[in-house]
């Protein structure tokens, strides 16, 4: 069965006030434009993966707004926490549709047809960088070691691989990246890794696996590969997201979709 899965990231929506200076004041409007494009795509999408920083503050009101923004989507939406999210309120908002544990980390495994989705919780509340501690590594290792007759998406907020944008690489996955790399390299299934956090679209080959970072409709960072320590400035480029087409033979085609926000 052919499946179409969209990868979006970093909506940073807020109900009352934003917590991040760079987030655009109309982040809600920008996110609604992206969702309208997702909902209107034909043939219809089979699923959407939203790789963290769902909200900018993590309040219950923020997640209620996010649920309203996502309402036009008739397909399953798989969300996971970013560094601006909060576990308690995220679990309360989406626990009825995603298999979160009743407490602790928000990692989970889900199935959509023959597609397996392994969502990792890299959040360290109150910090910008991400971590996979020993407990989270053990959970991921147990899932990735299981053979699966179909593709697997490993979804996480903090990229485990360097982008070359020095200032941002310093605040990605600072613990557990090497261990995760061994897991995905040795896994007995076809795997792609989907991430967020960097606020610009990036694609990579990491440990022999396809990996991608989604852009952000809330604000987008410029491209600077000079190695400077300062964070690049903002750019007004169109928002980019990816549509992954998984076919019956196990092949994957990745299409770039642009939304003017």
Protein backbone atom coordinates (compact mmCIF):
# COMPACT_ATOMS: atom_id res chain seq x y z
CA UNK A 1 0.00 0.00 0.00
CA UNK A 2 1.37 3.41 -0.99
CA UNK A 3 1.40 5.91 1.86
CA UNK A 4 1.91 9.68 1.98
CA UNK A 5 3.35 11.05 5.22
CA UNK A 6 4.01 14.76 5.75
CA UNK A 7 6.77 16.03 8.04
CA UNK A 8 6.23 19.45 9.63
CA UNK A 9 7.82 21.02 12.68
CA UNK A 10 8.13 23.88 15.17
CA UNK A 11 4.76 25.63 15.04
CA UNK A 12 5.44 27.55 18.31
CA UNK A 13 1.80 28.61 18.61
CA UNK A 14 0.70 30.52 21.70
CA UNK A 15 -2.71 31.40 23.08
CA UNK A 16 -1.88 34.50 25.13
CA UNK A 17 1.72 35.64 24.74
CA UNK A 18 4.84 34.29 23.08
CA UNK A 19 7.84 33.28 25.18
CA UNK A 20 10.42 33.32 22.38
CA UNK A 21 11.40 36.73 21.05
CA UNK A 22 11.99 35.50 17.50
CA UNK A 23 8.57 33.86 17.13
CA UNK A 24 6.36 35.88 14.80
CA UNK A 25 3.34 37.56 16.36
CA UNK A 26 1.06 35.82 13.84
CA UNK A 27 2.44 32.31 14.45
CA UNK A 28 -1.13 31.01 14.73
CA UNK A 29 -2.03 32.38 11.28
CA UNK A 30 1.16 30.93 9.78
CA UNK A 31 0.44 27.52 11.30
CA UNK A 32 -3.13 27.58 9.99
CA UNK A 33 -1.84 28.25 6.47
CA UNK A 34 0.44 25.20 6.72
CA UNK A 35 -2.39 23.01 8.04
CA UNK A 36 -4.70 24.24 5.26
CA UNK A 37 -2.09 23.16 2.73
CA UNK A 38 -1.75 19.76 4.41
CA UNK A 39 -5.52 19.28 4.55
CA UNK A 40 -5.99 20.30 0.92
CA UNK A 41 -3.26 18.10 -0.54
CA UNK A 42 -4.45 15.50 -3.05
CA UNK A 43 -4.33 12.59 -2.91
CA UNK A 44 -5.07 12.88 0.76
CA UNK A 45 -2.24 12.43 3.22
CA UNK A 46 -2.21 9.25 5.32
CA UNK A 47 -0.46 10.86 8.27
CA UNK A 48 1.40 13.91 9.57
CA UNK A 49 4.46 13.86 11.84
CA UNK A 50 4.96 17.09 13.84
CA UNK A 51 8.45 17.02 15.35
CA UNK A 52 8.20 19.17 18.45
CA UNK A 53 7.98 22.76 19.63
CA UNK A 54 4.29 22.39 19.04
CA UNK A 55 3.67 25.43 21.24
CA UNK A 56 5.84 28.25 22.49
CA UNK A 57 4.98 27.98 26.16
CA UNK A 58 3.36 24.62 26.81
CA UNK A 59 0.26 25.87 28.62
CA UNK A 60 -3.07 24.07 28.48
CA UNK A 61 -4.45 27.01 26.51
CA UNK A 62 -1.57 26.72 24.03
CA UNK A 63 -2.39 23.05 23.37
CA UNK A 64 -6.11 23.80 23.08
CA UNK A 65 -5.22 26.32 20.37
CA UNK A 66 -2.98 23.77 18.65
CA UNK A 67 -5.79 21.20 18.65
CA UNK A 68 -8.07 23.74 16.99
CA UNK A 69 -5.39 24.53 14.38
CA UNK A 70 -4.95 20.83 13.58
CA UNK A 71 -8.71 20.15 13.45
CA UNK A 72 -8.97 20.37 9.62
CA UNK A 73 -6.72 17.31 9.30
CA UNK A 74 -8.66 14.07 8.90
CA UNK A 75 -5.53 11.87 9.01
CA UNK A 76 -3.64 10.82 12.17
CA UNK A 77 -1.18 13.40 13.53
CA UNK A 78 1.83 12.14 15.48
CA UNK A 79 3.26 14.76 17.82
CA UNK A 80 6.22 14.70 20.20
CA UNK A 81 7.76 17.22 22.58
CA UNK A 82 10.30 19.90 21.76
CA UNK A 83 12.18 22.07 24.20
CA UNK A 84 9.34 24.62 24.35
CA UNK A 85 6.74 21.99 25.22
CA UNK A 86 5.69 20.70 28.63
CA UNK A 87 5.13 17.00 29.30
CA UNK A 88 2.19 17.31 31.69
CA UNK A 89 0.05 19.53 29.48
CA UNK A 90 1.08 17.81 26.24
CA UNK A 91 0.13 14.41 27.67
CA UNK A 92 -3.21 15.80 28.85
CA UNK A 93 -3.96 17.31 25.43
CA UNK A 94 -2.98 14.36 23.20
CA UNK A 95 -3.08 11.35 25.51
CA UNK A 96 -6.45 10.26 24.12
CA UNK A 97 -5.04 9.80 20.61
CA UNK A 98 -1.40 8.81 21.15
CA UNK A 99 -0.04 5.89 23.23
CA UNK A 100 1.84 7.93 25.83
CA UNK A 101 2.70 6.22 29.09
CA UNK A 102 0.61 7.60 32.00
CA UNK A 103 3.70 9.31 33.44
CA UNK A 104 7.35 9.90 32.69
CA UNK A 105 8.78 10.38 29.23
CA UNK A 106 6.57 10.94 26.19
CA UNK A 107 8.16 8.43 23.85
CA UNK A 108 5.86 5.95 22.10
CA UNK A 109 5.54 3.49 19.24
CA UNK A 110 2.64 3.63 16.79
CA UNK A 111 1.61 1.85 13.59
CA UNK A 112 -0.05 3.20 10.49
CA UNK A 113 -0.58 0.37 8.03
CA UNK A 114 2.85 -1.20 7.56
CA UNK A 115 4.59 2.00 8.72
CA UNK A 116 6.09 2.00 12.20
CA UNK A 117 6.61 5.32 13.98
CA UNK A 118 9.00 5.49 16.93
CA UNK A 119 8.68 8.88 18.62
CA UNK A 120 11.52 9.85 20.95
CA UNK A 121 11.31 12.30 23.84
CA UNK A 122 14.54 14.37 23.85
CA UNK A 123 13.15 17.12 26.07
CA UNK A 124 15.06 18.51 29.04
CA UNK A 125 12.51 20.88 30.54
CA UNK A 126 13.91 24.36 30.98
CA UNK A 127 16.81 23.78 28.58
CA UNK A 128 17.27 24.35 24.87
CA UNK A 129 19.43 21.33 24.12
CA UNK A 130 18.16 17.75 23.99
CA UNK A 131 19.22 14.51 25.61
CA UNK A 132 18.64 10.79 25.36
CA UNK A 133 19.57 9.60 28.83
CA UNK A 134 20.31 5.95 29.61
CA UNK A 135 16.63 5.20 30.31
CA UNK A 136 15.49 6.72 27.02
CA UNK A 137 18.32 5.02 25.13
CA UNK A 138 17.25 1.65 26.52
CA UNK A 139 13.65 2.23 25.43
CA UNK A 140 14.73 3.20 21.91
CA UNK A 141 17.20 0.31 21.64
CA UNK A 142 14.52 -2.26 22.51
CA UNK A 143 12.20 -0.96 19.78
CA UNK A 144 14.82 -0.52 17.09
CA UNK A 145 16.20 -4.02 17.66
CA UNK A 146 12.84 -5.56 16.75
CA UNK A 147 12.57 -6.58 13.06
CA UNK A 148 9.78 -4.83 11.21
CA UNK A 149 8.46 -5.76 7.78
CA UNK A 150 8.01 -2.21 6.54
CA UNK A 151 9.50 1.26 6.90
CA UNK A 152 10.22 2.86 10.27
CA UNK A 153 10.18 6.57 11.03
CA UNK A 154 12.24 7.63 14.03
CA UNK A 155 10.84 11.04 15.00
CA UNK A 156 12.54 13.37 17.47
CA UNK A 157 12.88 17.09 18.07
CA UNK A 158 16.62 17.56 18.50
CA UNK A 159 18.73 16.44 15.51
CA UNK A 160 21.36 13.83 16.41
CA UNK A 161 23.63 14.89 13.52
CA UNK A 162 25.54 18.13 12.84
CA UNK A 163 24.25 20.58 10.25
CA UNK A 164 27.34 22.77 10.02
CA UNK A 165 25.45 25.75 11.46
CA UNK A 166 27.74 26.00 14.48
CA UNK A 167 25.57 28.02 16.84
CA UNK A 168 22.62 25.69 16.40
CA UNK A 169 24.62 22.44 16.50
CA UNK A 170 25.73 23.35 20.02
CA UNK A 171 22.13 23.05 21.22
CA UNK A 172 20.87 19.95 19.42
CA UNK A 173 21.16 16.41 20.86
CA UNK A 174 24.07 16.68 23.30
CA UNK A 175 23.64 13.26 24.96
CA UNK A 176 22.87 9.93 23.35
CA UNK A 177 23.56 10.79 19.70
CA UNK A 178 26.42 8.31 19.30
CA UNK A 179 24.39 5.50 20.89
CA UNK A 180 21.37 6.31 18.73
CA UNK A 181 23.60 6.29 15.67
CA UNK A 182 24.67 2.72 16.42
CA UNK A 183 21.04 1.70 16.95
CA UNK A 184 19.78 3.03 13.63
CA UNK A 185 22.83 1.76 11.74
CA UNK A 186 22.38 -1.77 13.07
CA UNK A 187 18.57 -1.87 13.05
CA UNK A 188 17.09 -4.72 10.95
CA UNK A 189 14.52 -2.44 9.29
CA UNK A 190 14.44 0.44 6.81
CA UNK A 191 14.64 3.66 8.82
CA UNK A 192 14.38 7.38 8.24
CA UNK A 193 14.92 9.98 10.96
CA UNK A 194 12.75 13.11 11.16
CA UNK A 195 13.70 16.06 13.39
CA UNK A 196 13.02 19.74 14.08
CA UNK A 197 14.58 22.44 16.27
CA UNK A 198 16.93 24.08 13.72
CA UNK A 199 14.21 26.16 12.03
CA UNK A 200 15.35 25.53 8.49
CA UNK A 201 14.91 22.48 6.23
CA UNK A 202 17.92 20.17 6.09
CA UNK A 203 18.45 16.69 4.65
CA UNK A 204 21.33 14.37 5.52
CA UNK A 205 22.71 10.86 5.39
CA UNK A 206 23.55 9.82 8.95
CA UNK A 207 24.90 6.38 9.82
CA UNK A 208 23.66 5.16 6.46
CA UNK A 209 20.10 6.39 7.06
CA UNK A 210 18.13 9.26 5.55
CA UNK A 211 17.56 12.08 8.02
CA UNK A 212 15.72 15.38 7.70
CA UNK A 213 15.01 18.50 9.71
CA UNK A 214 11.75 20.34 9.14
CA UNK A 215 11.55 24.10 8.84
CA UNK A 216 9.40 26.34 11.03
CA UNK A 217 6.50 28.61 10.07
CA UNK A 218 7.11 30.55 13.31
CA UNK A 219 10.49 31.88 12.10
CA UNK A 220 13.24 30.63 9.83
CA UNK A 221 16.98 30.84 10.34
CA UNK A 222 19.33 31.85 7.54
CA UNK A 223 21.97 29.51 6.11
CA UNK A 224 25.49 30.19 7.40
CA UNK A 225 28.09 27.42 7.07
CA UNK A 226 31.05 29.67 7.89
CA UNK A 227 31.52 28.12 11.33
CA UNK A 228 30.86 31.35 13.20
CA UNK A 229 29.62 31.03 16.76
CA UNK A 230 26.79 33.56 16.42
CA UNK A 231 23.35 32.37 15.40
CA UNK A 232 22.45 33.34 11.82
CA UNK A 233 19.78 35.96 11.32
CA UNK A 234 16.23 35.39 10.15
CA UNK A 235 15.15 34.96 6.53
CA UNK A 236 11.81 35.47 4.82
CA UNK A 237 11.94 32.33 2.68
CA UNK A 238 8.73 30.36 2.00
CA UNK A 239 7.98 27.67 4.55
CA UNK A 240 9.12 24.21 3.45
CA UNK A 241 7.81 20.84 4.51
CA UNK A 242 8.38 17.35 3.14
CA UNK A 243 6.01 14.65 1.90
CA UNK A 244 7.37 11.10 2.06
CA UNK A 245 5.88 8.66 -0.43
CA UNK A 246 6.34 5.05 0.68
CA UNK A 247 5.44 2.55 -2.05
CA UNK A 248 4.66 -1.16 -2.04
CA UNK A 249 8.24 -2.12 -2.96
CA UNK A 250 9.73 -0.31 0.01
CA UNK A 251 11.03 2.62 -2.03
CA UNK A 252 10.69 6.16 -0.68
CA UNK A 253 10.41 9.40 -2.66
CA UNK A 254 10.66 12.66 -0.71
CA UNK A 255 8.93 15.71 -2.12
CA UNK A 256 9.41 19.33 -1.08
CA UNK A 257 6.29 21.42 -0.55
CA UNK A 258 6.38 25.22 -0.28
CA UNK A 259 3.87 27.39 1.58
CA UNK A 260 3.99 31.16 1.35
CA UNK A 261 3.29 32.49 4.82
